[in-house]
Amino acid sequence: MKRHGGTDALGFAYAIGVAVDLVRYEYKNKLVEGLARLREVTSAAEASPALQAGGGAE
């Protein structure tokens, strides 16, 4: 966790709370899963001849 700019104790406590929520709701795992799905979609799109030839719905 990194603090940007000046903050008081309340701002720092809020930042700690946000970090706790990120862990509690498994943000990192969800981010990794989302990036993996994105990688699959973009790989499939790159491999599709129709998309490479510009043959999409218009």
PDB file of N, CA and C in Angstrom:
ATOM      1  N   MET A   1       0.850  -1.156   0.000  1.00  0.00           N
ATOM      2  CA  MET A   1       0.000   0.000   0.000  1.00  0.00           C
ATOM      3  C   MET A   1       0.901   1.226   0.000  1.00  0.00           C
ATOM      4  N   LYS A   2       0.525   2.201  -0.792  1.00  0.00           N
ATOM      5  CA  LYS A   2       1.318   3.426  -0.867  1.00  0.00           C
ATOM      6  C   LYS A   2       0.398   4.620  -0.743  1.00  0.00           C
ATOM      7  N   ARG A   3       0.836   5.553  -0.006  1.00  0.00           N
ATOM      8  CA  ARG A   3       0.085   6.782   0.202  1.00  0.00           C
ATOM      9  C   ARG A   3       0.582   7.806  -0.802  1.00  0.00           C
ATOM     10  N   HIS A   4      -0.334   8.525  -1.399  1.00  0.00           N
ATOM     11  CA  HIS A   4       0.024   9.578  -2.353  1.00  0.00           C
ATOM     12  C   HIS A   4      -0.331  10.931  -1.756  1.00  0.00           C
ATOM     13  N   GLY A   5       0.630  11.819  -1.751  1.00  0.00           N
ATOM     14  CA  GLY A   5       0.378  13.163  -1.233  1.00  0.00           C
ATOM     15  C   GLY A   5       0.291  13.175   0.282  1.00  0.00           C
ATOM     16  N   GLY A   6      -0.112  14.294   0.795  1.00  0.00           N
ATOM     17  CA  GLY A   6      -0.240  14.437   2.234  1.00  0.00           C
ATOM     18  C   GLY A   6      -1.589  13.937   2.705  1.00  0.00           C
ATOM     19  N   THR A   7      -1.617  13.328   3.863  1.00  0.00           N
ATOM     20  CA  THR A   7      -2.882  12.877   4.439  1.00  0.00           C
ATOM     21  C   THR A   7      -2.768  12.919   5.948  1.00  0.00           C
ATOM     22  N   ASP A   8      -3.915  12.901   6.575  1.00  0.00           N
ATOM     23  CA  ASP A   8      -3.939  12.871   8.033  1.00  0.00           C
ATOM     24  C   ASP A   8      -4.200  11.438   8.490  1.00  0.00           C
ATOM     25  N   ALA A   9      -4.350  11.256   9.788  1.00  0.00           N
ATOM     26  CA  ALA A   9      -4.559   9.918  10.343  1.00  0.00           C
ATOM     27  C   ALA A   9      -5.841   9.289   9.805  1.00  0.00           C
ATOM     28  N   LEU A  10      -6.880  10.083   9.618  1.00  0.00           N
ATOM     29  CA  LEU A  10      -8.144   9.559   9.107  1.00  0.00           C
ATOM     30  C   LEU A  10      -7.981   9.055   7.671  1.00  0.00           C
ATOM     31  N   GLY A  11      -7.282   9.820   6.858  1.00  0.00           N
ATOM     32  CA  GLY A  11      -7.034   9.396   5.482  1.00  0.00           C
ATOM     33  C   GLY A  11      -6.216   8.122   5.421  1.00  0.00           C
ATOM     34  N   PHE A  12      -5.231   8.010   6.294  1.00  0.00           N
ATOM     35  CA  PHE A  12      -4.405   6.810   6.334  1.00  0.00           C
ATOM     36  C   PHE A  12      -5.233   5.615   6.793  1.00  0.00           C
ATOM     37  N   ALA A  13      -6.076   5.821   7.798  1.00  0.00           N
ATOM     38  CA  ALA A  13      -6.951   4.750   8.283  1.00  0.00           C
ATOM     39  C   ALA A  13      -7.905   4.297   7.182  1.00  0.00           C
ATOM     40  N   TYR A  14      -8.417   5.232   6.405  1.00  0.00           N
ATOM     41  CA  TYR A  14      -9.301   4.894   5.297  1.00  0.00           C
ATOM     42  C   TYR A  14      -8.556   4.034   4.276  1.00  0.00           C
ATOM     43  N   ALA A  15      -7.320   4.387   3.980  1.00  0.00           N
ATOM     44  CA  ALA A  15      -6.517   3.614   3.030  1.00  0.00           C
ATOM     45  C   ALA A  15      -6.288   2.192   3.539  1.00  0.00           C
ATOM     46  N   ILE A  16      -6.055   2.041   4.823  1.00  0.00           N
ATOM     47  CA  ILE A  16      -5.908   0.705   5.414  1.00  0.00           C
ATOM     48  C   ILE A  16      -7.209  -0.072   5.243  1.00  0.00           C
ATOM     49  N   GLY A  17      -8.339   0.590   5.466  1.00  0.00           N
ATOM     50  CA  GLY A  17      -9.640  -0.061   5.296  1.00  0.00           C
ATOM     51  C   GLY A  17      -9.865  -0.535   3.873  1.00  0.00           C
ATOM     52  N   VAL A  18      -9.462   0.266   2.910  1.00  0.00           N
ATOM     53  CA  VAL A  18      -9.587  -0.127   1.501  1.00  0.00           C
ATOM     54  C   VAL A  18      -8.719  -1.358   1.235  1.00  0.00           C
ATOM     55  N   ALA A  19      -7.506  -1.361   1.755  1.00  0.00           N
ATOM     56  CA  ALA A  19      -6.615  -2.511   1.569  1.00  0.00           C
ATOM     57  C   ALA A  19      -7.211  -3.773   2.190  1.00  0.00           C
ATOM     58  N   VAL A  20      -7.801  -3.638   3.355  1.00  0.00           N
ATOM     59  CA  VAL A  20      -8.447  -4.783   4.011  1.00  0.00           C
ATOM     60  C   VAL A  20      -9.585  -5.311   3.140  1.00  0.00           C
ATOM     61  N   ASP A  21     -10.388  -4.411   2.587  1.00  0.00           N
ATOM     62  CA  ASP A  21     -11.486  -4.833   1.711  1.00  0.00           C
ATOM     63  C   ASP A  21     -10.970  -5.537   0.460  1.00  0.00           C
ATOM     64  N   LEU A  22      -9.870  -5.057  -0.100  1.00  0.00           N
ATOM     65  CA  LEU A  22      -9.300  -5.702  -1.283  1.00  0.00           C
ATOM     66  C   LEU A  22      -8.930  -7.150  -0.982  1.00  0.00           C
ATOM     67  N   VAL A  23      -8.385  -7.390   0.192  1.00  0.00           N
ATOM     68  CA  VAL A  23      -8.037  -8.755   0.588  1.00  0.00           C
ATOM     69  C   VAL A  23      -9.302  -9.548   0.891  1.00  0.00           C
ATOM     70  N   ARG A  24     -10.195  -8.969   1.653  1.00  0.00           N
ATOM     71  CA  ARG A  24     -11.420  -9.658   2.073  1.00  0.00           C
ATOM     72  C   ARG A  24     -12.232 -10.140   0.874  1.00  0.00           C
ATOM     73  N   TYR A  25     -12.346  -9.319  -0.147  1.00  0.00           N
ATOM     74  CA  TYR A  25     -13.173  -9.659  -1.303  1.00  0.00           C
ATOM     75  C   TYR A  25     -12.357 -10.253  -2.455  1.00  0.00           C
ATOM     76  N   GLU A  26     -11.146 -10.698  -2.145  1.00  0.00           N
ATOM     77  CA  GLU A  26     -10.284 -11.423  -3.079  1.00  0.00           C
ATOM     78  C   GLU A  26     -10.086 -10.683  -4.399  1.00  0.00           C
ATOM     79  N   TYR A  27      -9.815  -9.403  -4.311  1.00  0.00           N
ATOM     80  CA  TYR A  27      -9.635  -8.568  -5.502  1.00  0.00           C
ATOM     81  C   TYR A  27      -8.522  -9.103  -6.404  1.00  0.00           C
ATOM     82  N   LYS A  28      -7.412  -9.502  -5.812  1.00  0.00           N
ATOM     83  CA  LYS A  28      -6.279  -9.976  -6.619  1.00  0.00           C
ATOM     84  C   LYS A  28      -6.684 -11.195  -7.439  1.00  0.00           C
ATOM     85  N   ASN A  29      -7.367 -12.156  -6.805  1.00  0.00           N
ATOM     86  CA  ASN A  29      -7.784 -13.359  -7.529  1.00  0.00           C
ATOM     87  C   ASN A  29      -8.743 -13.012  -8.660  1.00  0.00           C
ATOM     88  N   LYS A  30      -9.678 -12.123  -8.399  1.00  0.00           N
ATOM     89  CA  LYS A  30     -10.637 -11.725  -9.430  1.00  0.00           C
ATOM     90  C   LYS A  30      -9.935 -10.997 -10.574  1.00  0.00           C
ATOM     91  N   LEU A  31      -8.960 -10.190 -10.254  1.00  0.00           N
ATOM     92  CA  LEU A  31      -8.198  -9.483 -11.281  1.00  0.00           C
ATOM     93  C   LEU A  31      -7.422 -10.472 -12.150  1.00  0.00           C
ATOM     94  N   VAL A  32      -6.770 -11.439 -11.519  1.00  0.00           N
ATOM     95  CA  VAL A  32      -6.005 -12.446 -12.261  1.00  0.00           C
ATOM     96  C   VAL A  32      -6.938 -13.255 -13.161  1.00  0.00           C
ATOM     97  N   GLU A  33      -8.105 -13.654 -12.642  1.00  0.00           N
ATOM     98  CA  GLU A  33      -9.071 -14.410 -13.444  1.00  0.00           C
ATOM     99  C   GLU A  33      -9.578 -13.580 -14.622  1.00  0.00           C
ATOM    100  N   GLY A  34      -9.864 -12.324 -14.377  1.00  0.00           N
ATOM    101  CA  GLY A  34     -10.336 -11.452 -15.448  1.00  0.00           C
ATOM    102  C   GLY A  34      -9.294 -11.258 -16.534  1.00  0.00           C
ATOM    103  N   LEU A  35      -8.050 -11.101 -16.140  1.00  0.00           N
ATOM    104  CA  LEU A  35      -6.978 -10.947 -17.123  1.00  0.00           C
ATOM    105  C   LEU A  35      -6.781 -12.230 -17.928  1.00  0.00           C
ATOM    106  N   ALA A  36      -6.946 -13.380 -17.282  1.00  0.00           N
ATOM    107  CA  ALA A  36      -6.827 -14.655 -18.003  1.00  0.00           C
ATOM    108  C   ALA A  36      -7.940 -14.781 -19.036  1.00  0.00           C
ATOM    109  N   ARG A  37      -9.171 -14.403 -18.663  1.00  0.00           N
ATOM    110  CA  ARG A  37     -10.281 -14.447 -19.626  1.00  0.00           C
ATOM    111  C   ARG A  37     -10.027 -13.489 -20.778  1.00  0.00           C
ATOM    112  N   LEU A  38      -9.523 -12.316 -20.485  1.00  0.00           N
ATOM    113  CA  LEU A  38      -9.213 -11.341 -21.530  1.00  0.00           C
ATOM    114  C   LEU A  38      -8.156 -11.898 -22.481  1.00  0.00           C
ATOM    115  N   ARG A  39      -7.153 -12.547 -21.923  1.00  0.00           N
ATOM    116  CA  ARG A  39      -6.101 -13.148 -22.741  1.00  0.00           C
ATOM    117  C   ARG A  39      -6.690 -14.216 -23.665  1.00  0.00           C
ATOM    118  N   GLU A  40      -7.621 -15.032 -23.148  1.00  0.00           N
ATOM    119  CA  GLU A  40      -8.268 -16.061 -23.974  1.00  0.00           C
ATOM    120  C   GLU A  40      -9.054 -15.431 -25.118  1.00  0.00           C
ATOM    121  N   VAL A  41      -9.806 -14.393 -24.813  1.00  0.00           N
ATOM    122  CA  VAL A  41     -10.630 -13.738 -25.831  1.00  0.00           C
ATOM    123  C   VAL A  41      -9.757 -13.095 -26.901  1.00  0.00           C
ATOM    124  N   THR A  42      -8.715 -12.417 -26.490  1.00  0.00           N
ATOM    125  CA  THR A  42      -7.865 -11.755 -27.479  1.00  0.00           C
ATOM    126  C   THR A  42      -7.089 -12.773 -28.302  1.00  0.00           C
ATOM    127  N   SER A  43      -6.689 -13.885 -27.692  1.00  0.00           N
ATOM    128  CA  SER A  43      -6.001 -14.938 -28.446  1.00  0.00           C
ATOM    129  C   SER A  43      -6.937 -15.543 -29.477  1.00  0.00           C
ATOM    130  N   ALA A  44      -8.192 -15.783 -29.096  1.00  0.00           N
ATOM    131  CA  ALA A  44      -9.174 -16.341 -30.027  1.00  0.00           C
ATOM    132  C   ALA A  44      -9.441 -15.364 -31.165  1.00  0.00           C
ATOM    133  N   ALA A  45      -9.522 -14.088 -30.853  1.00  0.00           N
ATOM    134  CA  ALA A  45      -9.775 -13.078 -31.885  1.00  0.00           C
ATOM    135  C   ALA A  45      -8.600 -12.988 -32.851  1.00  0.00           C
ATOM    136  N   GLU A  46      -7.396 -13.091 -32.338  1.00  0.00           N
ATOM    137  CA  GLU A  46      -6.212 -13.037 -33.203  1.00  0.00           C
ATOM    138  C   GLU A  46      -6.130 -14.264 -34.104  1.00  0.00           C
ATOM    139  N   ALA A  47      -6.637 -15.405 -33.633  1.00  0.00           N
ATOM    140  CA  ALA A  47      -6.570 -16.645 -34.399  1.00  0.00           C
ATOM    141  C   ALA A  47      -7.708 -16.773 -35.408  1.00  0.00           C
ATOM    142  N   SER A  48      -8.724 -15.941 -35.305  1.00  0.00           N
ATOM    143  CA  SER A  48      -9.893 -16.044 -36.178  1.00  0.00           C
ATOM    144  C   SER A  48      -9.617 -15.406 -37.532  1.00  0.00           C
ATOM    145  N   PRO A  49      -9.639 -16.203 -38.608  1.00  0.00           N
ATOM    146  CA  PRO A  49      -9.391 -15.644 -39.946  1.00  0.00           C
ATOM    147  C   PRO A  49     -10.420 -14.579 -40.338  1.00  0.00           C
ATOM    148  N   ALA A  50     -11.670 -14.759 -39.930  1.00  0.00           N
ATOM    149  CA  ALA A  50     -12.707 -13.782 -40.284  1.00  0.00           C
ATOM    150  C   ALA A  50     -12.399 -12.423 -39.677  1.00  0.00           C
ATOM    151  N   LEU A  51     -11.927 -12.427 -38.466  1.00  0.00           N
ATOM    152  CA  LEU A  51     -11.605 -11.155 -37.824  1.00  0.00           C
ATOM    153  C   LEU A  51     -10.353 -10.541 -38.428  1.00  0.00           C
ATOM    154  N   GLN A  52      -9.391 -11.367 -38.794  1.00  0.00           N
ATOM    155  CA  GLN A  52      -8.163 -10.845 -39.387  1.00  0.00           C
ATOM    156  C   GLN A  52      -8.422 -10.239 -40.758  1.00  0.00           C
ATOM    157  N   ALA A  53      -9.366 -10.804 -41.506  1.00  0.00           N
ATOM    158  CA  ALA A  53      -9.661 -10.313 -42.851  1.00  0.00           C
ATOM    159  C   ALA A  53     -10.638  -9.151 -42.824  1.00  0.00           C
ATOM    160  N   GLY A  54     -11.042  -8.768 -41.631  1.00  0.00           N
ATOM    161  CA  GLY A  54     -11.989  -7.662 -41.520  1.00  0.00           C
ATOM    162  C   GLY A  54     -13.411  -8.083 -41.817  1.00  0.00           C
ATOM    163  N   GLY A  55     -13.675  -9.387 -41.803  1.00  0.00           N
ATOM    164  CA  GLY A  55     -15.010  -9.886 -42.107  1.00  0.00           C
ATOM    165  C   GLY A  55     -15.869  -9.965 -40.873  1.00  0.00           C
ATOM    166  N   GLY A  56     -16.403  -8.859 -40.459  1.00  0.00           N
ATOM    167  CA  GLY A  56     -17.293  -8.843 -39.313  1.00  0.00           C
ATOM    168  C   GLY A  56     -18.646  -8.324 -39.719  1.00  0.00           C
ATOM    169  N   ALA A  57     -19.552  -8.323 -38.788  1.00  0.00           N
ATOM    170  CA  ALA A  57     -20.888  -7.784 -39.063  1.00  0.00           C
ATOM    171  C   ALA A  57     -20.800  -6.279 -39.205  1.00  0.00           C
ATOM    172  N   GLU A  58     -21.426  -5.774 -40.213  1.00  0.00           N
ATOM    173  CA  GLU A  58     -21.373  -4.328 -40.438  1.00  0.00           C
ATOM    174  C   GLU A  58     -22.734  -3.732 -40.431  1.00  0.00           C
TER     175      GLU A  58
END
